[in-house]
N, C-alpha and C. Protein backbone atom coordinates (compact mmCIF):
# COMPACT_ATOMS: atom_id res chain seq x y z
N UNK A 1 26.64 -7.31 19.74
CA UNK A 1 26.05 -6.24 20.52
C UNK A 1 24.67 -6.70 21.00
N UNK A 2 24.43 -6.63 22.32
CA UNK A 2 23.12 -7.05 22.85
C UNK A 2 22.00 -6.14 22.34
N UNK A 3 20.86 -6.74 22.10
CA UNK A 3 19.70 -5.98 21.66
C UNK A 3 19.71 -5.61 20.19
N UNK A 4 20.69 -6.10 19.46
CA UNK A 4 20.78 -5.81 18.04
C UNK A 4 19.62 -6.47 17.30
N UNK A 5 18.99 -5.72 16.39
CA UNK A 5 17.90 -6.26 15.58
C UNK A 5 18.38 -6.34 14.14
N UNK A 6 18.19 -7.50 13.53
CA UNK A 6 18.66 -7.70 12.17
C UNK A 6 17.51 -7.60 11.18
N UNK A 7 17.85 -7.21 9.97
CA UNK A 7 16.89 -7.10 8.88
C UNK A 7 16.50 -8.50 8.40
N UNK A 8 15.22 -8.69 8.08
CA UNK A 8 14.73 -9.96 7.57
C UNK A 8 14.72 -9.91 6.05
N UNK A 9 15.54 -10.75 5.39
CA UNK A 9 15.58 -10.73 3.92
C UNK A 9 14.39 -11.45 3.30
N UNK A 10 13.82 -10.85 2.28
CA UNK A 10 12.71 -11.40 1.53
C UNK A 10 12.99 -11.27 0.04
N UNK A 11 12.46 -12.21 -0.73
CA UNK A 11 12.53 -12.11 -2.19
C UNK A 11 11.11 -11.91 -2.69
N UNK A 12 10.88 -10.86 -3.48
CA UNK A 12 9.57 -10.55 -4.02
C UNK A 12 9.64 -10.51 -5.55
N UNK A 13 8.50 -10.66 -6.18
CA UNK A 13 8.46 -10.68 -7.62
C UNK A 13 7.64 -9.56 -8.24
N UNK A 14 8.20 -8.94 -9.24
CA UNK A 14 7.46 -8.05 -10.12
C UNK A 14 7.13 -8.91 -11.34
N UNK A 15 6.01 -9.62 -11.26
CA UNK A 15 5.67 -10.61 -12.27
C UNK A 15 4.64 -10.01 -13.22
N UNK A 16 5.00 -10.04 -14.51
CA UNK A 16 4.14 -9.46 -15.54
C UNK A 16 3.77 -10.54 -16.55
N UNK A 17 2.75 -10.23 -17.33
CA UNK A 17 2.40 -11.08 -18.47
C UNK A 17 3.21 -10.59 -19.66
N UNK A 18 3.63 -11.51 -20.50
CA UNK A 18 4.42 -11.13 -21.68
C UNK A 18 3.62 -10.24 -22.64
N UNK A 19 2.30 -10.42 -22.67
CA UNK A 19 1.47 -9.63 -23.58
C UNK A 19 1.12 -8.26 -23.01
N UNK A 20 1.71 -7.89 -21.87
CA UNK A 20 1.43 -6.60 -21.26
C UNK A 20 0.13 -6.57 -20.48
N UNK A 21 -0.40 -7.74 -20.16
CA UNK A 21 -1.70 -7.85 -19.50
C UNK A 21 -1.70 -7.69 -18.00
N UNK A 22 -0.81 -6.91 -17.45
CA UNK A 22 -0.89 -6.58 -16.04
C UNK A 22 0.30 -7.02 -15.20
N UNK A 23 0.21 -6.66 -13.91
CA UNK A 23 1.22 -6.95 -12.91
C UNK A 23 0.57 -7.83 -11.85
N UNK A 24 1.24 -8.90 -11.44
CA UNK A 24 0.71 -9.80 -10.42
C UNK A 24 0.74 -9.12 -9.06
N UNK A 25 -0.42 -9.07 -8.45
CA UNK A 25 -0.57 -8.44 -7.14
C UNK A 25 -1.54 -9.29 -6.33
N UNK A 26 -1.43 -9.22 -5.02
CA UNK A 26 -2.28 -10.04 -4.14
C UNK A 26 -2.58 -9.27 -2.87
N UNK A 27 -3.58 -9.75 -2.16
CA UNK A 27 -3.90 -9.16 -0.84
C UNK A 27 -3.18 -9.97 0.23
N UNK A 28 -2.49 -9.27 1.11
CA UNK A 28 -1.78 -9.92 2.20
C UNK A 28 -2.81 -10.50 3.17
N UNK A 29 -2.61 -11.75 3.58
CA UNK A 29 -3.58 -12.39 4.46
C UNK A 29 -2.87 -13.19 5.54
N UNK A 30 -2.42 -12.47 6.58
CA UNK A 30 -1.75 -13.11 7.71
C UNK A 30 -2.36 -12.55 8.99
N UNK A 31 -3.61 -12.98 9.30
CA UNK A 31 -4.32 -12.40 10.44
C UNK A 31 -3.64 -12.60 11.79
N UNK A 32 -2.90 -13.69 11.95
CA UNK A 32 -2.25 -13.94 13.23
C UNK A 32 -0.95 -13.17 13.40
N UNK A 33 -0.16 -13.06 12.34
CA UNK A 33 1.17 -12.47 12.46
C UNK A 33 1.30 -11.04 11.94
N UNK A 34 0.35 -10.60 11.11
CA UNK A 34 0.43 -9.25 10.55
C UNK A 34 -0.96 -8.64 10.35
N UNK A 35 -1.73 -8.49 11.45
CA UNK A 35 -3.09 -7.97 11.32
C UNK A 35 -3.16 -6.53 10.81
N UNK A 36 -2.11 -5.74 10.99
CA UNK A 36 -2.10 -4.36 10.53
C UNK A 36 -2.10 -4.21 9.02
N UNK A 37 -1.66 -5.26 8.32
CA UNK A 37 -1.62 -5.22 6.86
C UNK A 37 -2.64 -6.15 6.22
N UNK A 38 -3.55 -6.67 7.01
CA UNK A 38 -4.54 -7.63 6.53
C UNK A 38 -5.36 -7.04 5.39
N UNK A 39 -5.35 -7.73 4.24
CA UNK A 39 -6.15 -7.31 3.10
C UNK A 39 -5.52 -6.24 2.23
N UNK A 40 -4.31 -5.79 2.57
CA UNK A 40 -3.65 -4.76 1.76
C UNK A 40 -2.97 -5.40 0.56
N UNK A 41 -2.91 -4.65 -0.53
CA UNK A 41 -2.25 -5.13 -1.75
C UNK A 41 -0.76 -5.20 -1.54
N UNK A 42 -0.14 -6.22 -2.14
CA UNK A 42 1.31 -6.36 -2.11
C UNK A 42 1.78 -7.18 -3.30
N UNK A 43 3.05 -7.04 -3.61
CA UNK A 43 3.68 -7.92 -4.59
C UNK A 43 3.87 -9.28 -3.92
N UNK A 44 3.84 -10.37 -4.69
CA UNK A 44 4.04 -11.68 -4.08
C UNK A 44 5.50 -11.91 -3.72
N UNK A 45 5.72 -12.62 -2.63
CA UNK A 45 7.07 -12.95 -2.20
C UNK A 45 7.08 -13.31 -0.74
N UNK A 46 8.26 -13.56 -0.21
CA UNK A 46 8.35 -13.92 1.19
C UNK A 46 9.77 -14.17 1.66
N UNK A 47 9.86 -14.74 2.84
CA UNK A 47 11.15 -14.91 3.51
C UNK A 47 12.10 -15.80 2.71
N UNK A 48 13.34 -15.37 2.72
CA UNK A 48 14.42 -16.03 1.99
C UNK A 48 15.08 -17.03 2.93
N UNK A 49 15.02 -18.30 2.60
CA UNK A 49 15.59 -19.35 3.44
C UNK A 49 17.10 -19.48 3.22
N UNK A 50 17.80 -19.82 4.30
CA UNK A 50 19.24 -20.06 4.21
C UNK A 50 19.52 -21.18 3.21
N UNK A 51 20.52 -21.00 2.39
CA UNK A 51 20.91 -22.00 1.40
C UNK A 51 20.07 -22.00 0.14
N UNK A 52 19.09 -21.13 0.06
CA UNK A 52 18.18 -21.07 -1.09
C UNK A 52 18.63 -19.95 -2.03
N UNK A 53 18.71 -20.25 -3.33
CA UNK A 53 19.06 -19.18 -4.27
C UNK A 53 17.88 -18.21 -4.38
N UNK A 54 18.15 -17.01 -4.86
CA UNK A 54 17.09 -16.01 -5.02
C UNK A 54 16.02 -16.52 -5.98
N UNK A 55 16.45 -17.14 -7.08
CA UNK A 55 15.49 -17.67 -8.05
C UNK A 55 14.62 -18.77 -7.43
N UNK A 56 15.24 -19.67 -6.66
CA UNK A 56 14.48 -20.74 -6.03
C UNK A 56 13.49 -20.19 -5.01
N UNK A 57 13.91 -19.16 -4.27
CA UNK A 57 13.01 -18.54 -3.30
C UNK A 57 11.80 -17.94 -4.00
N UNK A 58 12.03 -17.19 -5.07
CA UNK A 58 10.92 -16.56 -5.78
C UNK A 58 9.99 -17.61 -6.37
N UNK A 59 10.54 -18.65 -6.96
CA UNK A 59 9.70 -19.72 -7.53
C UNK A 59 8.86 -20.39 -6.44
N UNK A 60 9.47 -20.65 -5.28
CA UNK A 60 8.74 -21.28 -4.17
C UNK A 60 7.62 -20.37 -3.68
N UNK A 61 7.93 -19.11 -3.47
CA UNK A 61 6.92 -18.18 -2.95
C UNK A 61 5.76 -18.00 -3.93
N UNK A 62 6.05 -17.92 -5.21
CA UNK A 62 4.98 -17.78 -6.21
C UNK A 62 4.08 -19.02 -6.21
N UNK A 63 4.66 -20.19 -6.02
CA UNK A 63 3.88 -21.41 -5.97
C UNK A 63 3.03 -21.45 -4.69
N UNK A 64 3.63 -21.11 -3.55
CA UNK A 64 2.91 -21.16 -2.28
C UNK A 64 1.77 -20.13 -2.21
N UNK A 65 2.04 -18.91 -2.64
CA UNK A 65 1.08 -17.82 -2.48
C UNK A 65 0.08 -17.71 -3.62
N UNK A 66 0.52 -18.00 -4.85
CA UNK A 66 -0.32 -17.76 -6.03
C UNK A 66 -0.60 -19.00 -6.85
N UNK A 67 0.08 -20.10 -6.56
CA UNK A 67 -0.13 -21.33 -7.29
C UNK A 67 0.34 -21.28 -8.73
N UNK A 68 1.35 -20.45 -9.02
CA UNK A 68 1.82 -20.34 -10.41
C UNK A 68 3.31 -20.64 -10.49
N UNK A 69 3.72 -20.99 -11.70
CA UNK A 69 5.13 -21.12 -12.05
C UNK A 69 5.52 -19.86 -12.82
N UNK A 70 6.72 -19.41 -12.59
CA UNK A 70 7.22 -18.26 -13.34
C UNK A 70 7.98 -18.79 -14.56
N UNK A 71 7.68 -18.23 -15.73
CA UNK A 71 8.31 -18.69 -16.97
C UNK A 71 9.77 -18.27 -17.04
N UNK A 72 10.06 -17.06 -16.58
CA UNK A 72 11.44 -16.58 -16.59
C UNK A 72 11.61 -15.49 -15.54
N UNK A 73 12.84 -15.36 -15.06
CA UNK A 73 13.20 -14.33 -14.09
C UNK A 73 14.33 -13.52 -14.71
N UNK A 74 14.15 -12.19 -14.73
CA UNK A 74 15.16 -11.32 -15.32
C UNK A 74 16.32 -11.11 -14.36
N UNK A 75 17.48 -10.82 -14.92
CA UNK A 75 18.64 -10.52 -14.10
C UNK A 75 19.80 -11.42 -14.45
N UNK A 76 20.95 -11.07 -13.94
CA UNK A 76 22.14 -11.87 -14.11
C UNK A 76 22.36 -12.68 -12.84
N UNK A 77 22.51 -13.98 -12.99
CA UNK A 77 22.72 -14.87 -11.85
C UNK A 77 23.97 -15.70 -12.12
N UNK A 78 24.83 -15.82 -11.12
CA UNK A 78 26.03 -16.65 -11.27
C UNK A 78 26.36 -17.28 -9.92
N UNK A 79 26.84 -18.49 -9.97
CA UNK A 79 27.30 -19.15 -8.75
C UNK A 79 28.81 -19.33 -8.85
N UNK A 80 29.46 -19.17 -7.72
CA UNK A 80 30.92 -19.26 -7.63
C UNK A 80 31.30 -20.23 -6.52
N UNK A 81 32.29 -21.06 -6.78
CA UNK A 81 32.85 -21.97 -5.78
C UNK A 81 34.20 -21.40 -5.36
N UNK A 82 34.39 -21.32 -4.04
CA UNK A 82 35.66 -20.82 -3.54
C UNK A 82 35.89 -21.37 -2.14
N UNK A 83 37.04 -21.98 -1.94
CA UNK A 83 37.43 -22.51 -0.63
C UNK A 83 36.36 -23.45 -0.06
N UNK A 84 35.75 -24.24 -0.94
CA UNK A 84 34.75 -25.21 -0.50
C UNK A 84 33.38 -24.61 -0.20
N UNK A 85 33.18 -23.37 -0.59
CA UNK A 85 31.91 -22.70 -0.34
C UNK A 85 31.29 -22.28 -1.68
N UNK A 86 29.97 -22.22 -1.71
CA UNK A 86 29.26 -21.79 -2.91
C UNK A 86 28.59 -20.45 -2.62
N UNK A 87 28.79 -19.49 -3.53
CA UNK A 87 28.24 -18.14 -3.38
C UNK A 87 27.49 -17.80 -4.66
N UNK A 88 26.34 -17.16 -4.52
CA UNK A 88 25.59 -16.70 -5.69
C UNK A 88 25.64 -15.18 -5.76
N UNK A 89 25.81 -14.67 -6.96
CA UNK A 89 25.66 -13.24 -7.21
C UNK A 89 24.46 -13.05 -8.13
N UNK A 90 23.79 -11.92 -7.98
CA UNK A 90 22.64 -11.65 -8.84
C UNK A 90 22.42 -10.15 -8.94
N UNK A 91 21.62 -9.76 -9.91
CA UNK A 91 21.30 -8.35 -10.11
C UNK A 91 19.79 -8.17 -10.04
N UNK A 92 19.26 -7.85 -8.85
CA UNK A 92 17.82 -7.66 -8.74
C UNK A 92 17.35 -6.39 -9.44
N UNK A 93 16.05 -6.32 -9.65
CA UNK A 93 15.44 -5.14 -10.26
C UNK A 93 15.43 -3.97 -9.29
N UNK A 94 15.21 -4.27 -7.99
CA UNK A 94 15.08 -3.21 -6.98
C UNK A 94 15.30 -3.81 -5.60
N UNK A 95 15.85 -3.02 -4.69
CA UNK A 95 15.96 -3.41 -3.28
C UNK A 95 15.21 -2.36 -2.47
N UNK A 96 14.33 -2.83 -1.58
CA UNK A 96 13.48 -1.93 -0.78
C UNK A 96 13.66 -2.30 0.69
N UNK A 97 13.96 -1.33 1.54
CA UNK A 97 14.18 -1.61 2.95
C UNK A 97 13.26 -0.78 3.84
N UNK A 98 12.63 -1.44 4.82
CA UNK A 98 11.83 -0.76 5.84
C UNK A 98 12.81 -0.16 6.85
N UNK A 99 12.88 1.15 6.94
CA UNK A 99 13.79 1.81 7.87
C UNK A 99 13.12 2.04 9.22
N UNK A 100 11.88 2.49 9.21
CA UNK A 100 11.11 2.70 10.44
C UNK A 100 9.73 2.12 10.18
N UNK A 101 9.31 1.18 10.97
CA UNK A 101 8.00 0.57 10.75
C UNK A 101 7.84 -0.72 11.51
N UNK A 102 6.82 -1.47 11.13
CA UNK A 102 6.42 -2.65 11.88
C UNK A 102 7.37 -3.84 11.75
N UNK A 103 8.08 -3.97 10.65
CA UNK A 103 8.94 -5.12 10.45
C UNK A 103 10.25 -4.69 9.80
N UNK A 104 11.39 -5.05 10.39
CA UNK A 104 12.68 -4.65 9.82
C UNK A 104 13.04 -5.52 8.62
N UNK A 105 12.33 -5.31 7.53
CA UNK A 105 12.49 -6.16 6.36
C UNK A 105 13.21 -5.46 5.22
N UNK A 106 13.81 -6.28 4.36
CA UNK A 106 14.35 -5.80 3.10
C UNK A 106 13.79 -6.72 2.02
N UNK A 107 13.27 -6.10 0.96
CA UNK A 107 12.75 -6.85 -0.18
C UNK A 107 13.77 -6.76 -1.31
N UNK A 108 14.14 -7.92 -1.83
CA UNK A 108 14.97 -7.98 -3.02
C UNK A 108 14.00 -8.38 -4.13
N UNK A 109 13.71 -7.43 -5.02
CA UNK A 109 12.66 -7.61 -6.03
C UNK A 109 13.29 -7.99 -7.37
N UNK A 110 12.78 -9.08 -7.94
CA UNK A 110 13.19 -9.54 -9.26
C UNK A 110 12.00 -9.48 -10.20
N UNK A 111 12.23 -9.04 -11.42
CA UNK A 111 11.19 -9.03 -12.44
C UNK A 111 11.14 -10.39 -13.11
N UNK A 112 9.94 -10.77 -13.52
CA UNK A 112 9.77 -12.04 -14.22
C UNK A 112 8.46 -12.06 -14.97
N UNK A 113 8.20 -13.19 -15.61
CA UNK A 113 7.01 -13.34 -16.44
C UNK A 113 6.30 -14.65 -16.15
N UNK A 114 4.97 -14.60 -16.23
CA UNK A 114 4.15 -15.80 -16.15
C UNK A 114 2.84 -15.53 -16.88
N UNK A 115 2.38 -16.53 -17.60
CA UNK A 115 1.09 -16.43 -18.27
C UNK A 115 0.06 -17.35 -17.63
N UNK A 116 0.40 -17.92 -16.47
CA UNK A 116 -0.53 -18.79 -15.75
C UNK A 116 -1.54 -17.96 -14.97
N UNK A 117 -2.68 -18.55 -14.68
CA UNK A 117 -3.71 -17.89 -13.88
C UNK A 117 -3.44 -18.15 -12.40
N UNK A 118 -3.33 -17.11 -11.59
CA UNK A 118 -3.06 -17.33 -10.16
C UNK A 118 -4.28 -17.87 -9.42
N UNK A 119 -4.01 -18.60 -8.35
CA UNK A 119 -5.06 -19.12 -7.48
C UNK A 119 -5.68 -17.97 -6.69
N UNK A 120 -6.96 -18.10 -6.37
CA UNK A 120 -7.65 -17.05 -5.61
C UNK A 120 -7.18 -17.00 -4.16
N UNK A 121 -6.64 -18.11 -3.67
CA UNK A 121 -6.25 -18.17 -2.27
C UNK A 121 -4.96 -18.98 -2.16
N UNK A 122 -4.00 -18.46 -1.39
CA UNK A 122 -2.74 -19.16 -1.20
C UNK A 122 -2.24 -18.97 0.21
N UNK A 123 -1.03 -19.42 0.47
CA UNK A 123 -0.41 -19.32 1.78
C UNK A 123 -0.10 -17.86 2.10
N UNK A 124 -0.88 -17.25 2.97
CA UNK A 124 -0.67 -15.86 3.36
C UNK A 124 -1.15 -14.84 2.36
N UNK A 125 -1.96 -15.28 1.38
CA UNK A 125 -2.41 -14.36 0.33
C UNK A 125 -3.83 -14.69 -0.12
N UNK A 126 -4.50 -13.66 -0.62
CA UNK A 126 -5.84 -13.81 -1.19
C UNK A 126 -5.92 -12.93 -2.45
N UNK A 127 -6.87 -13.24 -3.31
CA UNK A 127 -7.22 -12.39 -4.46
C UNK A 127 -6.05 -12.09 -5.40
N UNK A 128 -5.12 -13.02 -5.56
CA UNK A 128 -4.01 -12.80 -6.49
C UNK A 128 -4.56 -12.66 -7.90
N UNK A 129 -4.09 -11.63 -8.60
CA UNK A 129 -4.53 -11.42 -9.98
C UNK A 129 -3.55 -10.51 -10.70
N UNK A 130 -3.63 -10.56 -12.03
CA UNK A 130 -2.81 -9.65 -12.83
C UNK A 130 -3.62 -8.36 -13.01
N UNK A 131 -3.23 -7.33 -12.26
CA UNK A 131 -3.94 -6.06 -12.29
C UNK A 131 -3.45 -5.23 -13.47
N UNK A 132 -4.38 -4.71 -14.22
CA UNK A 132 -4.08 -3.83 -15.34
C UNK A 132 -3.24 -2.65 -14.85
N UNK A 133 -2.27 -2.24 -15.64
CA UNK A 133 -1.36 -1.18 -15.23
C UNK A 133 -2.07 0.14 -14.94
N UNK A 134 -3.06 0.50 -15.73
CA UNK A 134 -3.78 1.76 -15.46
C UNK A 134 -4.56 1.67 -14.16
N UNK A 135 -5.13 0.50 -13.87
CA UNK A 135 -5.85 0.30 -12.60
C UNK A 135 -4.87 0.36 -11.42
N UNK A 136 -3.69 -0.24 -11.59
CA UNK A 136 -2.68 -0.22 -10.54
C UNK A 136 -2.20 1.20 -10.26
N UNK A 137 -1.93 1.96 -11.32
CA UNK A 137 -1.51 3.36 -11.15
C UNK A 137 -2.57 4.16 -10.42
N UNK A 138 -3.84 3.95 -10.80
CA UNK A 138 -4.93 4.66 -10.14
C UNK A 138 -5.04 4.31 -8.67
N UNK A 139 -4.90 3.04 -8.35
CA UNK A 139 -4.98 2.61 -6.95
C UNK A 139 -3.83 3.18 -6.13
N UNK A 140 -2.64 3.20 -6.69
CA UNK A 140 -1.50 3.78 -5.97
C UNK A 140 -1.70 5.27 -5.71
N UNK A 141 -2.29 5.96 -6.67
CA UNK A 141 -2.50 7.41 -6.56
C UNK A 141 -3.70 7.74 -5.65
N UNK A 142 -4.82 7.04 -5.85
CA UNK A 142 -6.06 7.40 -5.17
C UNK A 142 -6.30 6.66 -3.85
N UNK A 143 -5.68 5.47 -3.70
CA UNK A 143 -5.90 4.67 -2.49
C UNK A 143 -4.59 4.09 -1.97
N UNK A 144 -3.60 4.94 -1.69
CA UNK A 144 -2.29 4.42 -1.27
C UNK A 144 -2.35 3.62 0.02
N UNK A 145 -3.34 3.89 0.86
CA UNK A 145 -3.46 3.19 2.14
C UNK A 145 -3.92 1.74 1.97
N UNK A 146 -4.26 1.32 0.75
CA UNK A 146 -4.68 -0.07 0.51
C UNK A 146 -3.50 -0.97 0.15
N UNK A 147 -2.26 -0.43 0.22
CA UNK A 147 -1.04 -1.18 -0.07
C UNK A 147 -0.19 -1.30 1.19
N UNK A 148 0.57 -2.38 1.29
CA UNK A 148 1.57 -2.45 2.36
C UNK A 148 2.63 -1.38 2.06
N UNK A 149 3.30 -0.90 3.10
CA UNK A 149 4.29 0.16 2.92
C UNK A 149 5.41 -0.26 1.97
N UNK A 150 5.92 -1.48 2.13
CA UNK A 150 7.02 -1.95 1.30
C UNK A 150 6.61 -2.08 -0.17
N UNK A 151 5.44 -2.65 -0.43
CA UNK A 151 5.00 -2.79 -1.82
C UNK A 151 4.62 -1.45 -2.42
N UNK A 152 4.05 -0.54 -1.62
CA UNK A 152 3.75 0.80 -2.13
C UNK A 152 5.05 1.48 -2.58
N UNK A 153 6.07 1.41 -1.73
CA UNK A 153 7.36 2.03 -2.08
C UNK A 153 7.96 1.38 -3.32
N UNK A 154 7.91 0.04 -3.38
CA UNK A 154 8.48 -0.67 -4.53
C UNK A 154 7.76 -0.30 -5.81
N UNK A 155 6.44 -0.35 -5.81
CA UNK A 155 5.66 -0.07 -7.02
C UNK A 155 5.81 1.39 -7.46
N UNK A 156 5.82 2.31 -6.49
CA UNK A 156 5.98 3.72 -6.80
C UNK A 156 7.35 3.96 -7.46
N UNK A 157 8.40 3.34 -6.91
CA UNK A 157 9.73 3.51 -7.46
C UNK A 157 9.85 2.85 -8.83
N UNK A 158 9.27 1.66 -8.99
CA UNK A 158 9.31 0.99 -10.29
C UNK A 158 8.59 1.80 -11.36
N UNK A 159 7.47 2.44 -10.98
CA UNK A 159 6.77 3.32 -11.92
C UNK A 159 7.63 4.52 -12.30
N UNK A 160 8.30 5.11 -11.31
CA UNK A 160 9.12 6.29 -11.59
C UNK A 160 10.31 5.96 -12.50
N UNK A 161 10.72 4.70 -12.51
CA UNK A 161 11.83 4.25 -13.37
C UNK A 161 11.34 3.63 -14.68
N UNK A 162 10.03 3.70 -14.93
CA UNK A 162 9.42 3.11 -16.12
C UNK A 162 9.71 1.62 -16.24
N UNK A 163 9.68 0.92 -15.12
CA UNK A 163 9.94 -0.52 -15.12
C UNK A 163 8.68 -1.36 -15.03
N UNK A 164 7.51 -0.71 -15.02
CA UNK A 164 6.24 -1.48 -14.96
C UNK A 164 5.64 -1.64 -16.31
């Protein structure tokens, strides 16, 4: 169908410290391609490349944006071979889709853990840090406009499900 617009798949991480020391969050920094969200808080993640597993995408994005390795990613992952093709199945923590807005994106969010210190500056990101859960809840409640729409929706839903 002419003029059809497709959703852009992204893999994002709900990355926590094992000791309960916060949730990894960063400021979006893409002045050329996304000036409307410049400096807003978001979960780390990005575009999912063809042929890349969800786990590999998340690991790559965390390295590019935050300079960290993830110790583990939660969920069930399986690869299947059939008729000469390889298919992966997985169970993400949450799926978030922009229905009306600036970018027709879908975030496939996986929970994971890392105890590494994030870099202050990365590819498309600034100020990555493990934000204390009470501080994060307060920011979502008192300053919702400081978050990207997709990450605000994801974090709000994860809180309502007691997954943070």
